[in-house]
Protein backbone atom coordinates (compact mmCIF):
# COMPACT_ATOMS: atom_id res chain seq x y z
CA TRP A 1 -170.13 -8.42 -117.18
CA GLY A 2 -166.47 -7.78 -116.18
CA SER A 3 -163.79 -6.44 -118.40
CA LYS A 4 -163.84 -6.76 -122.22
CA GLU A 5 -160.78 -9.14 -121.94
CA THR A 6 -162.70 -11.70 -119.78
CA GLN A 7 -165.92 -11.69 -121.63
CA PHE A 8 -167.05 -14.48 -123.92
CA HIS A 9 -166.68 -13.57 -127.65
CA GLY A 10 -168.36 -16.29 -129.50
CA SER A 11 -167.07 -17.19 -132.98
CA ALA A 12 -164.94 -13.96 -132.96
CA GLY A 13 -162.79 -15.68 -130.21
CA LYS A 14 -160.19 -14.04 -127.95
CA ALA A 15 -159.02 -11.77 -130.89
CA ALA A 16 -162.23 -9.78 -130.48
CA SER A 17 -161.06 -8.61 -127.09
CA GLN A 18 -157.92 -7.28 -128.53
CA GLN A 19 -159.63 -4.99 -131.00
CA PRO A 20 -159.33 -1.34 -130.00
CA VAL A 21 -162.18 0.22 -128.31
CA PHE A 22 -163.29 3.58 -129.70
CA SER A 23 -162.10 6.08 -127.03
CA THR A 24 -163.33 9.21 -128.69
CA PRO A 25 -167.00 9.75 -129.61
CA THR A 26 -167.72 10.56 -133.24
CA PRO A 27 -170.14 13.36 -134.26
CA VAL A 28 -173.65 12.42 -134.90
CA SER A 29 -174.79 11.40 -138.21
CA HIS A 30 -176.37 13.96 -140.58
CA THR A 31 -179.43 11.77 -140.52
CA ASP A 32 -179.80 11.84 -136.78
CA THR A 33 -182.97 13.62 -135.56
CA LEU A 34 -181.00 14.96 -132.45
CA GLU A 35 -184.13 13.94 -130.38
CA THR A 36 -183.95 12.41 -126.89
CA ARG A 37 -185.31 8.96 -126.83
CA VAL A 38 -186.49 7.02 -123.64
CA SER A 39 -187.30 3.28 -123.59
CA TRP A 40 -188.56 1.37 -120.54
CA ARG A 41 -187.72 -2.33 -120.01
CA GLY A 42 -190.91 -4.45 -120.09
CA ASP A 43 -191.00 -4.99 -116.17
CA GLY A 44 -190.45 -1.27 -115.54
CA GLN A 45 -187.29 -1.88 -113.44
CA TYR A 46 -184.94 0.10 -115.75
CA PHE A 47 -185.10 2.61 -118.58
CA ALA A 48 -182.64 3.72 -121.25
CA VAL A 49 -182.14 7.39 -122.46
CA SER A 50 -180.53 8.15 -125.74
CA THR A 51 -179.35 11.85 -125.84
CA VAL A 52 -177.02 13.97 -127.92
CA ASP A 53 -174.23 15.38 -125.75
CA THR A 54 -171.82 18.25 -126.76
CA ARG A 55 -168.18 18.04 -126.20
CA ASP A 56 -165.50 20.09 -127.80
CA ASP A 57 -167.97 21.70 -130.06
CA ASN A 58 -168.98 18.28 -131.43
CA GLN A 59 -172.33 16.63 -130.94
CA TYR A 60 -172.32 12.89 -130.22
CA ARG A 61 -175.01 10.36 -129.14
CA VAL A 62 -174.79 8.46 -125.87
CA ILE A 63 -177.14 5.84 -124.17
CA ARG A 64 -177.37 5.84 -120.40
CA MET A 65 -179.21 3.27 -118.31
CA TRP A 66 -181.11 4.13 -115.18
CA THR A 67 -183.06 2.24 -112.51
CA ARG A 68 -186.88 3.28 -112.06
CA GLU A 69 -185.64 5.10 -108.94
CA GLY A 70 -183.33 7.33 -111.02
CA VAL A 71 -180.01 5.58 -110.11
CA HIS A 72 -177.50 5.66 -113.05
CA THR A 73 -176.26 2.21 -113.87
CA SER A 74 -174.23 2.44 -116.93
CA THR A 75 -173.30 4.34 -120.21
CA ASN A 76 -172.49 2.91 -123.47
CA GLU A 77 -168.95 2.84 -124.99
CA PRO A 78 -168.34 5.56 -127.69
CA THR A 79 -169.81 4.08 -130.81
CA PRO A 80 -169.23 5.66 -134.22
CA GLY A 81 -172.29 6.36 -136.16
CA LEU A 82 -174.70 5.65 -133.25
CA GLU A 83 -178.20 6.69 -134.13
CA ASP A 84 -181.32 7.73 -132.07
CA SER A 85 -183.39 4.53 -132.27
CA LEU A 86 -183.68 2.65 -129.00
CA CYS A 87 -185.35 -0.57 -128.07
CA TRP A 88 -185.27 -3.31 -125.38
CA ARG A 89 -185.04 -7.12 -126.24
CA PRO A 90 -188.51 -8.56 -125.08
CA SER A 91 -186.69 -10.64 -122.31
CA GLY A 92 -185.15 -7.32 -121.08
CA ASN A 93 -181.58 -8.50 -121.20
CA LEU A 94 -180.40 -6.26 -124.10
CA VAL A 95 -180.91 -2.71 -125.41
CA THR A 96 -180.39 -2.06 -129.06
CA SER A 97 -179.90 0.90 -131.27
CA THR A 98 -178.76 1.43 -134.80
CA ALA A 99 -175.44 2.91 -136.25
CA THR A 100 -174.47 4.06 -139.71
CA HIS A 101 -171.20 3.14 -141.13
CA ASN A 102 -169.60 5.54 -143.63
CA GLU A 103 -173.09 7.34 -143.86
CA GLN A 104 -174.67 4.25 -145.40
């Protein structure tokens, strides 16, 4: 929680907070299915939705978090190569997806 500058960064240290954050979404990978994915947390309190949005004639993938009442709680930071897989950690404290780097 909190800003990127105040978060713990493990072995990467404070230098990790100085790395630039991608401010512009990158187009979806050619391997992306362009399908919408929905994944519920194990206790049913939250769900995540991974969709393809369009901006400036480019398609990019975004993950949004919602409560079971339909209240939007967060959206991921733009992530290059973000793909359509979506899964919760069994404890429910982390949502994962995959990303391609240089189409690999």
